[in-house]
Amino acid sequence: MNFDHDIGSITSLLVIDTTVASPLTATTGILSITGAGALKLPSGNNTTDRPGTPVNGMLRYNSTASGLEFYNGTWTALAAGSATVTSVAITSDTTTGLTVVSGSPITTAGNIHLALNTELNALAALATTGLVARTNTATYIPRTIAGTASNIAVTDGDGVLVLLLLTWQELLKVQQVLRL
């Protein structure tokens, strides 16, 4: 290692052995550089100044591209922290019930239009609140449960009694039988 006292920097350094533990930290495999300044990396153009036999993990400043690059089998630019999205696309998925109708991909500006499958369309067409029963593929019917002091009635959306009419006492007997 050659230290130039006139400019205050190391002018040439072949290897720093980080496999030998520092007497102060007893840590191997780590090079710590402290201070509030900056680390000056090797700098050069993107062709003739790159190392002749690069190895994975090399890092340098590419003066032609004006940015950092690293070697991982090929020289690759490090992203500066911002990027541009050039296309957004979605695909239909039968498990979600959404189908892409038009607009995908968007490459400049626009809208993506989706359609509901028949099941979701049938549910969306219901203009009710409360209980809903699926009676067939893409067929849904509202149901209500009404109770008085003495019975429970389950009816369809038209108020027709469809399932049962039980008094509270009968319901308690069914519950007791189910516990046995």
N, C-alpha and C. Protein backbone atom coordinates (compact mmCIF):
# COMPACT_ATOMS: atom_id res chain seq x y z
N MET A 1 0.85 -1.16 0.00
CA MET A 1 0.00 0.00 0.00
C MET A 1 0.90 1.23 0.00
N ASN A 2 0.56 2.15 -0.88
CA ASN A 2 1.29 3.41 -0.94
C ASN A 2 0.36 4.54 -0.52
N PHE A 3 0.77 5.30 0.51
CA PHE A 3 -0.02 6.41 0.99
C PHE A 3 0.66 7.70 0.58
N ASP A 4 -0.07 8.54 -0.18
CA ASP A 4 0.46 9.81 -0.64
C ASP A 4 0.09 10.87 0.39
N HIS A 5 1.07 11.33 1.18
CA HIS A 5 0.81 12.30 2.24
C HIS A 5 0.46 13.67 1.70
N ASP A 6 0.87 13.99 0.48
CA ASP A 6 0.56 15.30 -0.09
C ASP A 6 -0.93 15.45 -0.39
N ILE A 7 -1.57 14.38 -0.87
CA ILE A 7 -2.99 14.47 -1.21
C ILE A 7 -3.87 13.74 -0.20
N GLY A 8 -3.25 13.03 0.74
CA GLY A 8 -3.99 12.35 1.80
C GLY A 8 -4.78 11.15 1.35
N SER A 9 -4.22 10.36 0.43
CA SER A 9 -4.96 9.18 -0.02
C SER A 9 -4.01 8.03 -0.33
N ILE A 10 -4.60 6.84 -0.38
CA ILE A 10 -3.85 5.65 -0.78
C ILE A 10 -3.82 5.64 -2.29
N THR A 11 -2.62 5.62 -2.86
CA THR A 11 -2.50 5.68 -4.32
C THR A 11 -2.48 4.31 -4.97
N SER A 12 -2.09 3.30 -4.26
CA SER A 12 -2.16 1.95 -4.83
C SER A 12 -2.35 0.95 -3.70
N LEU A 13 -3.20 -0.01 -3.96
CA LEU A 13 -3.51 -1.02 -2.96
C LEU A 13 -3.89 -2.28 -3.72
N LEU A 14 -3.19 -3.33 -3.45
CA LEU A 14 -3.51 -4.56 -4.15
C LEU A 14 -4.56 -5.36 -3.41
N VAL A 15 -4.36 -5.65 -2.13
CA VAL A 15 -5.28 -6.49 -1.38
C VAL A 15 -5.28 -6.07 0.08
N ILE A 16 -6.46 -6.03 0.67
CA ILE A 16 -6.56 -5.91 2.13
C ILE A 16 -7.07 -7.26 2.60
N ASP A 17 -6.33 -7.90 3.47
CA ASP A 17 -6.71 -9.22 3.96
C ASP A 17 -7.69 -9.05 5.12
N THR A 18 -8.97 -9.36 4.85
CA THR A 18 -9.99 -9.24 5.91
C THR A 18 -10.24 -10.58 6.59
N THR A 19 -9.40 -11.58 6.30
CA THR A 19 -9.56 -12.88 6.97
C THR A 19 -8.82 -12.91 8.29
N VAL A 20 -7.98 -11.92 8.54
CA VAL A 20 -7.24 -11.83 9.80
C VAL A 20 -8.01 -10.87 10.70
N ALA A 21 -8.34 -11.32 11.88
CA ALA A 21 -9.14 -10.51 12.79
C ALA A 21 -8.37 -9.29 13.25
N SER A 22 -9.06 -8.17 13.24
CA SER A 22 -8.49 -6.94 13.75
C SER A 22 -8.33 -7.07 15.26
N PRO A 23 -7.25 -6.56 15.83
CA PRO A 23 -7.07 -6.67 17.27
C PRO A 23 -8.11 -5.85 18.06
N LEU A 24 -8.74 -4.87 17.42
CA LEU A 24 -9.72 -4.05 18.12
C LEU A 24 -11.12 -4.64 18.06
N THR A 25 -11.50 -5.27 16.93
CA THR A 25 -12.88 -5.75 16.79
C THR A 25 -13.00 -7.26 16.80
N ALA A 26 -11.93 -7.98 16.55
CA ALA A 26 -11.92 -9.44 16.48
C ALA A 26 -12.93 -9.96 15.46
N THR A 27 -13.20 -9.19 14.40
CA THR A 27 -14.14 -9.57 13.34
C THR A 27 -13.37 -9.83 12.06
N THR A 28 -13.73 -10.91 11.38
CA THR A 28 -13.08 -11.19 10.09
C THR A 28 -14.09 -11.03 8.96
N GLY A 29 -13.60 -10.83 7.75
CA GLY A 29 -14.45 -10.74 6.57
C GLY A 29 -15.14 -9.41 6.38
N ILE A 30 -14.80 -8.40 7.18
CA ILE A 30 -15.45 -7.09 7.09
C ILE A 30 -14.40 -6.01 7.02
N LEU A 31 -14.56 -5.08 6.09
CA LEU A 31 -13.70 -3.91 6.01
C LEU A 31 -14.55 -2.72 6.42
N SER A 32 -14.17 -2.05 7.47
CA SER A 32 -14.90 -0.88 7.94
C SER A 32 -14.12 0.37 7.59
N ILE A 33 -14.81 1.31 6.97
CA ILE A 33 -14.22 2.61 6.65
C ILE A 33 -15.04 3.63 7.41
N THR A 34 -14.40 4.39 8.28
CA THR A 34 -15.14 5.33 9.11
C THR A 34 -14.85 6.75 8.67
N GLY A 35 -15.66 7.68 9.11
CA GLY A 35 -15.46 9.09 8.80
C GLY A 35 -16.72 9.66 8.19
N ALA A 36 -16.67 10.94 7.91
CA ALA A 36 -17.83 11.64 7.36
C ALA A 36 -17.61 12.05 5.91
N GLY A 37 -16.56 11.59 5.31
CA GLY A 37 -16.24 11.99 3.94
C GLY A 37 -16.93 11.11 2.91
N ALA A 38 -16.17 10.63 1.97
CA ALA A 38 -16.71 9.80 0.89
C ALA A 38 -15.68 8.76 0.51
N LEU A 39 -16.12 7.76 -0.16
CA LEU A 39 -15.25 6.71 -0.66
C LEU A 39 -15.13 6.91 -2.16
N LYS A 40 -13.92 7.10 -2.66
CA LYS A 40 -13.71 7.29 -4.09
C LYS A 40 -13.45 5.94 -4.72
N LEU A 41 -14.31 5.58 -5.66
CA LEU A 41 -14.20 4.30 -6.35
C LEU A 41 -13.35 4.45 -7.60
N PRO A 42 -12.83 3.35 -8.10
CA PRO A 42 -12.14 3.41 -9.39
C PRO A 42 -13.11 3.93 -10.45
N SER A 43 -12.60 4.75 -11.36
CA SER A 43 -13.44 5.38 -12.37
C SER A 43 -12.79 5.22 -13.74
N GLY A 44 -13.62 5.04 -14.76
CA GLY A 44 -13.11 4.94 -16.11
C GLY A 44 -14.24 4.76 -17.10
N ASN A 45 -13.87 4.71 -18.39
CA ASN A 45 -14.91 4.59 -19.40
C ASN A 45 -15.45 3.17 -19.44
N ASN A 46 -16.43 2.93 -20.31
CA ASN A 46 -17.11 1.65 -20.28
C ASN A 46 -16.49 0.55 -21.14
N THR A 47 -15.34 0.80 -21.73
CA THR A 47 -14.74 -0.28 -22.52
C THR A 47 -13.29 -0.53 -22.13
N THR A 48 -12.42 0.40 -22.43
CA THR A 48 -10.99 0.14 -22.26
C THR A 48 -10.50 0.24 -20.82
N ASP A 49 -11.25 0.92 -19.94
CA ASP A 49 -10.78 1.09 -18.56
C ASP A 49 -11.27 0.01 -17.60
N ARG A 50 -12.15 -0.85 -18.04
CA ARG A 50 -12.63 -1.92 -17.16
C ARG A 50 -11.52 -2.94 -16.95
N PRO A 51 -11.54 -3.64 -15.81
CA PRO A 51 -10.52 -4.65 -15.56
C PRO A 51 -10.52 -5.72 -16.67
N GLY A 52 -9.35 -6.18 -17.04
CA GLY A 52 -9.21 -7.17 -18.10
C GLY A 52 -9.78 -8.53 -17.72
N THR A 53 -9.66 -8.90 -16.46
CA THR A 53 -10.20 -10.17 -15.98
C THR A 53 -11.08 -9.87 -14.77
N PRO A 54 -12.33 -9.45 -15.02
CA PRO A 54 -13.20 -9.09 -13.89
C PRO A 54 -13.66 -10.32 -13.13
N VAL A 55 -13.99 -10.11 -11.86
CA VAL A 55 -14.55 -11.17 -11.03
C VAL A 55 -15.85 -10.65 -10.40
N ASN A 56 -16.76 -11.55 -10.11
CA ASN A 56 -18.04 -11.17 -9.50
C ASN A 56 -17.82 -10.36 -8.24
N GLY A 57 -18.59 -9.29 -8.10
CA GLY A 57 -18.52 -8.44 -6.91
C GLY A 57 -17.75 -7.15 -7.12
N MET A 58 -17.09 -6.99 -8.28
CA MET A 58 -16.37 -5.74 -8.53
C MET A 58 -17.36 -4.59 -8.68
N LEU A 59 -16.95 -3.40 -8.20
CA LEU A 59 -17.77 -2.21 -8.24
C LEU A 59 -16.90 -1.07 -8.74
N ARG A 60 -17.42 -0.26 -9.65
CA ARG A 60 -16.66 0.87 -10.19
C ARG A 60 -17.59 1.96 -10.68
N TYR A 61 -17.04 3.16 -10.94
CA TYR A 61 -17.80 4.26 -11.53
C TYR A 61 -17.51 4.27 -13.01
N ASN A 62 -18.58 4.21 -13.83
CA ASN A 62 -18.44 4.25 -15.28
C ASN A 62 -18.58 5.70 -15.72
N SER A 63 -17.46 6.30 -16.15
CA SER A 63 -17.47 7.73 -16.51
C SER A 63 -18.21 7.97 -17.82
N THR A 64 -18.33 6.99 -18.69
CA THR A 64 -19.08 7.16 -19.94
C THR A 64 -20.58 7.18 -19.65
N ALA A 65 -21.04 6.27 -18.82
CA ALA A 65 -22.47 6.18 -18.50
C ALA A 65 -22.85 7.07 -17.33
N SER A 66 -21.88 7.68 -16.66
CA SER A 66 -22.11 8.54 -15.50
C SER A 66 -22.90 7.83 -14.39
N GLY A 67 -22.43 6.64 -14.02
CA GLY A 67 -23.10 5.91 -12.96
C GLY A 67 -22.28 4.74 -12.48
N LEU A 68 -22.70 4.19 -11.35
CA LEU A 68 -22.02 3.02 -10.79
C LEU A 68 -22.39 1.77 -11.57
N GLU A 69 -21.46 0.84 -11.63
CA GLU A 69 -21.73 -0.46 -12.24
C GLU A 69 -21.02 -1.53 -11.44
N PHE A 70 -21.57 -2.74 -11.50
CA PHE A 70 -20.98 -3.87 -10.79
C PHE A 70 -20.85 -5.03 -11.76
N TYR A 71 -19.99 -5.98 -11.38
CA TYR A 71 -19.77 -7.15 -12.23
C TYR A 71 -20.37 -8.38 -11.57
N ASN A 72 -21.25 -9.07 -12.29
CA ASN A 72 -21.84 -10.33 -11.83
C ASN A 72 -21.90 -11.32 -12.98
N GLY A 73 -20.84 -11.37 -13.74
CA GLY A 73 -20.78 -12.16 -14.98
C GLY A 73 -20.79 -11.24 -16.18
N THR A 74 -21.46 -10.10 -16.03
CA THR A 74 -21.43 -9.01 -17.01
C THR A 74 -21.45 -7.70 -16.23
N TRP A 75 -20.96 -6.65 -16.84
CA TRP A 75 -21.01 -5.35 -16.21
C TRP A 75 -22.44 -4.84 -16.27
N THR A 76 -23.01 -4.48 -15.11
CA THR A 76 -24.41 -4.09 -15.00
C THR A 76 -24.50 -2.76 -14.25
N ALA A 77 -25.29 -1.83 -14.80
CA ALA A 77 -25.46 -0.53 -14.15
C ALA A 77 -26.30 -0.69 -12.90
N LEU A 78 -25.91 0.03 -11.84
CA LEU A 78 -26.72 0.10 -10.62
C LEU A 78 -27.79 1.15 -10.83
N ALA A 79 -29.03 0.83 -10.45
CA ALA A 79 -30.12 1.78 -10.61
C ALA A 79 -29.91 2.96 -9.67
N ALA A 80 -30.31 4.13 -10.12
CA ALA A 80 -30.14 5.35 -9.34
C ALA A 80 -31.28 5.59 -8.37
N GLY A 81 -32.25 4.69 -8.30
CA GLY A 81 -33.34 4.85 -7.35
C GLY A 81 -34.64 5.30 -7.97
N SER A 82 -34.65 5.54 -9.25
CA SER A 82 -35.91 5.88 -9.90
C SER A 82 -35.97 5.13 -11.22
N ALA A 83 -37.18 4.87 -11.66
CA ALA A 83 -37.36 4.15 -12.91
C ALA A 83 -38.65 4.62 -13.55
N THR A 84 -38.84 4.24 -14.78
CA THR A 84 -40.03 4.60 -15.52
C THR A 84 -40.79 3.34 -15.87
N VAL A 85 -42.06 3.32 -15.58
CA VAL A 85 -42.91 2.21 -15.98
C VAL A 85 -43.36 2.48 -17.40
N THR A 86 -43.12 1.52 -18.28
CA THR A 86 -43.49 1.71 -19.68
C THR A 86 -44.72 0.95 -20.09
N SER A 87 -45.17 0.01 -19.25
CA SER A 87 -46.36 -0.76 -19.59
C SER A 87 -46.96 -1.37 -18.33
N VAL A 88 -48.29 -1.33 -18.24
CA VAL A 88 -49.01 -1.97 -17.15
C VAL A 88 -50.04 -2.89 -17.77
N ALA A 89 -50.04 -4.15 -17.34
CA ALA A 89 -50.98 -5.11 -17.91
C ALA A 89 -51.56 -5.99 -16.81
N ILE A 90 -52.77 -6.44 -17.02
CA ILE A 90 -53.37 -7.44 -16.16
C ILE A 90 -53.96 -8.52 -17.04
N THR A 91 -54.13 -9.69 -16.48
CA THR A 91 -54.71 -10.80 -17.23
C THR A 91 -55.96 -11.30 -16.52
N SER A 92 -56.82 -11.95 -17.28
CA SER A 92 -58.03 -12.52 -16.71
C SER A 92 -57.66 -13.67 -15.79
N ASP A 93 -58.48 -13.87 -14.78
CA ASP A 93 -58.25 -14.96 -13.83
C ASP A 93 -59.60 -15.56 -13.47
N THR A 94 -59.81 -16.80 -13.86
CA THR A 94 -61.11 -17.43 -13.62
C THR A 94 -61.40 -17.62 -12.14
N THR A 95 -60.38 -17.68 -11.29
CA THR A 95 -60.63 -17.87 -9.87
C THR A 95 -61.17 -16.62 -9.19
N THR A 96 -60.90 -15.44 -9.74
CA THR A 96 -61.39 -14.20 -9.14
C THR A 96 -62.72 -13.77 -9.73
N GLY A 97 -63.08 -14.28 -10.90
CA GLY A 97 -64.33 -13.89 -11.53
C GLY A 97 -64.23 -12.62 -12.34
N LEU A 98 -63.01 -12.12 -12.57
CA LEU A 98 -62.82 -10.91 -13.37
C LEU A 98 -62.20 -11.27 -14.71
N THR A 99 -62.72 -10.65 -15.77
CA THR A 99 -62.21 -10.88 -17.11
C THR A 99 -61.80 -9.53 -17.70
N VAL A 100 -60.64 -9.48 -18.35
CA VAL A 100 -60.19 -8.27 -19.00
C VAL A 100 -60.99 -8.12 -20.30
N VAL A 101 -61.70 -7.00 -20.43
CA VAL A 101 -62.50 -6.75 -21.64
C VAL A 101 -61.66 -6.00 -22.66
N SER A 102 -60.97 -4.95 -22.22
CA SER A 102 -60.15 -4.17 -23.13
C SER A 102 -59.17 -3.31 -22.34
N GLY A 103 -58.20 -2.77 -23.05
CA GLY A 103 -57.30 -1.80 -22.46
C GLY A 103 -55.99 -2.32 -21.91
N SER A 104 -55.77 -3.63 -21.91
CA SER A 104 -54.53 -4.16 -21.35
C SER A 104 -53.65 -4.67 -22.47
N PRO A 105 -52.40 -4.28 -22.53
CA PRO A 105 -51.65 -3.43 -21.60
C PRO A 105 -51.82 -1.95 -21.91
N ILE A 106 -51.57 -1.14 -20.90
CA ILE A 106 -51.51 0.31 -21.09
C ILE A 106 -50.05 0.67 -21.26
N THR A 107 -49.71 1.31 -22.37
CA THR A 107 -48.31 1.67 -22.61
C THR A 107 -48.07 3.17 -22.52
N THR A 108 -49.08 3.99 -22.62
CA THR A 108 -48.89 5.43 -22.43
C THR A 108 -49.92 5.96 -21.44
N ALA A 109 -51.19 5.92 -21.82
CA ALA A 109 -52.26 6.35 -20.93
C ALA A 109 -53.51 5.59 -21.34
N GLY A 110 -54.43 5.44 -20.43
CA GLY A 110 -55.67 4.77 -20.78
C GLY A 110 -56.31 4.09 -19.60
N ASN A 111 -57.32 3.29 -19.88
CA ASN A 111 -58.08 2.59 -18.86
C ASN A 111 -58.14 1.10 -19.19
N ILE A 112 -58.15 0.30 -18.16
CA ILE A 112 -58.36 -1.14 -18.33
C ILE A 112 -59.79 -1.42 -17.91
N HIS A 113 -60.54 -2.12 -18.76
CA HIS A 113 -61.94 -2.42 -18.49
C HIS A 113 -62.07 -3.90 -18.12
N LEU A 114 -62.76 -4.16 -17.01
CA LEU A 114 -62.95 -5.51 -16.52
C LEU A 114 -64.43 -5.87 -16.56
N ALA A 115 -64.73 -7.15 -16.69
CA ALA A 115 -66.10 -7.64 -16.65
C ALA A 115 -66.21 -8.69 -15.56
N LEU A 116 -67.37 -8.74 -14.91
CA LEU A 116 -67.64 -9.76 -13.90
C LEU A 116 -68.09 -11.04 -14.60
N ASN A 117 -67.74 -12.18 -14.03
CA ASN A 117 -68.24 -13.43 -14.59
C ASN A 117 -69.72 -13.59 -14.23
N THR A 118 -70.36 -14.66 -14.71
CA THR A 118 -71.80 -14.82 -14.51
C THR A 118 -72.18 -14.92 -13.04
N GLU A 119 -71.36 -15.57 -12.23
CA GLU A 119 -71.65 -15.67 -10.79
C GLU A 119 -71.68 -14.29 -10.14
N LEU A 120 -70.64 -13.50 -10.40
CA LEU A 120 -70.58 -12.17 -9.78
C LEU A 120 -71.65 -11.24 -10.34
N ASN A 121 -72.00 -11.39 -11.64
CA ASN A 121 -73.09 -10.59 -12.20
C ASN A 121 -74.41 -10.91 -11.52
N ALA A 122 -74.66 -12.20 -11.24
CA ALA A 122 -75.90 -12.58 -10.58
C ALA A 122 -75.97 -11.99 -9.18
N LEU A 123 -74.87 -12.01 -8.45
CA LEU A 123 -74.85 -11.40 -7.12
C LEU A 123 -75.01 -9.89 -7.19
N ALA A 124 -74.37 -9.27 -8.17
CA ALA A 124 -74.46 -7.82 -8.31
C ALA A 124 -75.88 -7.38 -8.67
N ALA A 125 -76.64 -8.25 -9.33
CA ALA A 125 -78.00 -7.91 -9.73
C ALA A 125 -78.99 -7.95 -8.57
N LEU A 126 -78.63 -8.57 -7.46
CA LEU A 126 -79.54 -8.63 -6.31
C LEU A 126 -79.72 -7.24 -5.71
N ALA A 127 -80.96 -6.87 -5.52
CA ALA A 127 -81.26 -5.58 -4.91
C ALA A 127 -81.88 -5.84 -3.54
N THR A 128 -81.12 -6.50 -2.68
CA THR A 128 -81.65 -6.86 -1.38
C THR A 128 -80.53 -6.86 -0.35
N THR A 129 -80.93 -6.90 0.88
CA THR A 129 -79.97 -7.09 1.96
C THR A 129 -80.40 -8.32 2.73
N GLY A 130 -79.53 -8.86 3.50
CA GLY A 130 -79.87 -10.01 4.32
C GLY A 130 -79.29 -11.29 3.76
N LEU A 131 -80.02 -12.37 3.96
CA LEU A 131 -79.54 -13.69 3.57
C LEU A 131 -79.79 -13.95 2.09
N VAL A 132 -78.86 -14.66 1.47
CA VAL A 132 -78.99 -15.04 0.06
C VAL A 132 -78.64 -16.51 -0.05
N ALA A 133 -79.43 -17.24 -0.83
CA ALA A 133 -79.15 -18.66 -1.06
C ALA A 133 -78.82 -18.86 -2.53
N ARG A 134 -77.78 -19.64 -2.79
CA ARG A 134 -77.43 -20.00 -4.18
C ARG A 134 -78.19 -21.28 -4.50
N THR A 135 -79.10 -21.18 -5.45
CA THR A 135 -79.95 -22.32 -5.76
C THR A 135 -79.49 -23.07 -7.00
N ASN A 136 -78.64 -22.47 -7.81
CA ASN A 136 -78.11 -23.10 -9.01
C ASN A 136 -76.93 -22.26 -9.47
N THR A 137 -76.28 -22.67 -10.54
CA THR A 137 -75.17 -21.90 -11.08
C THR A 137 -75.66 -20.51 -11.45
N ALA A 138 -75.03 -19.50 -10.89
CA ALA A 138 -75.35 -18.09 -11.14
C ALA A 138 -76.79 -17.74 -10.82
N THR A 139 -77.41 -18.45 -9.89
CA THR A 139 -78.78 -18.18 -9.49
C THR A 139 -78.82 -18.00 -7.97
N TYR A 140 -79.27 -16.84 -7.55
CA TYR A 140 -79.32 -16.49 -6.13
C TYR A 140 -80.70 -15.97 -5.78
N ILE A 141 -81.19 -16.37 -4.62
CA ILE A 141 -82.52 -15.96 -4.16
C ILE A 141 -82.39 -15.43 -2.73
N PRO A 142 -83.03 -14.28 -2.46
CA PRO A 142 -82.99 -13.77 -1.08
C PRO A 142 -83.84 -14.64 -0.16
N ARG A 143 -83.44 -14.77 1.08
CA ARG A 143 -84.18 -15.52 2.09
C ARG A 143 -84.29 -14.63 3.32
N THR A 144 -85.32 -14.86 4.09
CA THR A 144 -85.46 -14.13 5.34
C THR A 144 -85.72 -15.10 6.48
N ILE A 145 -85.30 -14.74 7.64
CA ILE A 145 -85.61 -15.50 8.84
C ILE A 145 -86.36 -14.52 9.75
N ALA A 146 -87.58 -14.90 10.10
CA ALA A 146 -88.39 -14.04 10.96
C ALA A 146 -88.78 -14.81 12.20
N GLY A 147 -88.87 -14.17 13.27
CA GLY A 147 -89.25 -14.83 14.51
C GLY A 147 -90.23 -14.01 15.31
N THR A 148 -91.05 -14.71 16.03
CA THR A 148 -91.97 -14.06 16.96
C THR A 148 -91.69 -14.64 18.34
N ALA A 149 -92.55 -14.36 19.26
CA ALA A 149 -92.36 -14.89 20.61
C ALA A 149 -92.51 -16.40 20.65
N SER A 150 -93.15 -16.98 19.62
CA SER A 150 -93.41 -18.41 19.71
C SER A 150 -92.87 -19.24 18.55
N ASN A 151 -92.40 -18.63 17.45
CA ASN A 151 -91.91 -19.46 16.35
C ASN A 151 -90.87 -18.75 15.49
N ILE A 152 -90.26 -19.53 14.58
CA ILE A 152 -89.30 -19.03 13.60
C ILE A 152 -89.80 -19.44 12.23
N ALA A 153 -89.76 -18.52 11.25
CA ALA A 153 -90.17 -18.84 9.88
C ALA A 153 -89.05 -18.47 8.92
N VAL A 154 -88.76 -19.34 7.96
CA VAL A 154 -87.78 -19.07 6.92
C VAL A 154 -88.54 -18.97 5.61
N THR A 155 -88.45 -17.80 4.93
CA THR A 155 -89.22 -17.58 3.71
C THR A 155 -88.31 -17.17 2.57
N ASP A 156 -88.84 -17.30 1.32
CA ASP A 156 -88.09 -16.83 0.16
C ASP A 156 -88.33 -15.33 0.00
N GLY A 157 -87.82 -14.75 -1.08
CA GLY A 157 -87.92 -13.31 -1.29
C GLY A 157 -89.34 -12.81 -1.47
N ASP A 158 -90.30 -13.71 -1.81
CA ASP A 158 -91.68 -13.31 -2.00
C ASP A 158 -92.51 -13.49 -0.73
N GLY A 159 -91.89 -13.91 0.36
CA GLY A 159 -92.60 -14.10 1.61
C GLY A 159 -93.24 -15.47 1.75
N VAL A 160 -92.97 -16.38 0.81
CA VAL A 160 -93.55 -17.72 0.87
C VAL A 160 -92.73 -18.56 1.83
N LEU A 161 -93.41 -19.26 2.73
CA LEU A 161 -92.73 -20.12 3.69
C LEU A 161 -92.09 -21.27 2.93
N VAL A 162 -90.76 -21.42 3.02
CA VAL A 162 -90.09 -22.43 2.21
C VAL A 162 -89.42 -23.53 3.02
N LEU A 163 -89.09 -23.27 4.24
CA LEU A 163 -88.33 -24.28 4.95
C LEU A 163 -89.07 -24.85 6.15
N LEU A 164 -89.34 -24.07 7.15
CA LEU A 164 -89.88 -24.65 8.37
C LEU A 164 -90.58 -23.60 9.21
N LEU A 165 -91.38 -24.10 10.08
CA LEU A 165 -92.02 -23.25 11.08
C LEU A 165 -91.93 -24.00 12.39
N LEU A 166 -91.09 -23.49 13.29
CA LEU A 166 -90.86 -24.15 14.58
C LEU A 166 -91.19 -23.19 15.71
N THR A 167 -91.74 -23.73 16.76
CA THR A 167 -91.90 -22.91 17.96
C THR A 167 -90.56 -22.91 18.69
N TRP A 168 -90.40 -21.97 19.57
CA TRP A 168 -89.16 -21.91 20.35
C TRP A 168 -88.97 -23.20 21.16
N GLN A 169 -90.05 -23.75 21.67
CA GLN A 169 -89.95 -24.97 22.46
C GLN A 169 -89.47 -26.13 21.59
N GLU A 170 -89.99 -26.23 20.35
CA GLU A 170 -89.56 -27.29 19.44
C GLU A 170 -88.08 -27.12 19.08
N LEU A 171 -87.68 -25.88 18.87
CA LEU A 171 -86.29 -25.60 18.53
C LEU A 171 -85.37 -26.00 19.68
N LEU A 172 -85.78 -25.75 20.92
CA LEU A 172 -84.97 -26.15 22.07
C LEU A 172 -84.88 -27.67 22.17
N LYS A 173 -85.98 -28.37 21.85
CA LYS A 173 -85.94 -29.84 21.85
C LYS A 173 -84.97 -30.37 20.80
N VAL A 174 -84.96 -29.75 19.60
CA VAL A 174 -84.01 -30.16 18.55
C VAL A 174 -82.59 -29.91 19.02
N GLN A 175 -82.37 -28.80 19.65
CA GLN A 175 -81.02 -28.49 20.16
C GLN A 175 -80.59 -29.51 21.22
N GLN A 176 -81.49 -29.91 22.11
CA GLN A 176 -81.16 -30.90 23.14
C GLN A 176 -80.85 -32.26 22.52
N VAL A 177 -81.60 -32.64 21.49
CA VAL A 177 -81.36 -33.91 20.80
C VAL A 177 -80.01 -33.88 20.10
N LEU A 178 -79.66 -32.76 19.50
CA LEU A 178 -78.38 -32.66 18.81
C LEU A 178 -77.20 -32.74 19.77
N ARG A 179 -77.40 -32.34 21.01
CA ARG A 179 -76.32 -32.41 22.01
C ARG A 179 -76.05 -33.84 22.46
N LEU A 180 -77.05 -34.71 22.34
CA LEU A 180 -76.90 -36.10 22.80
C LEU A 180 -76.01 -36.80 21.89
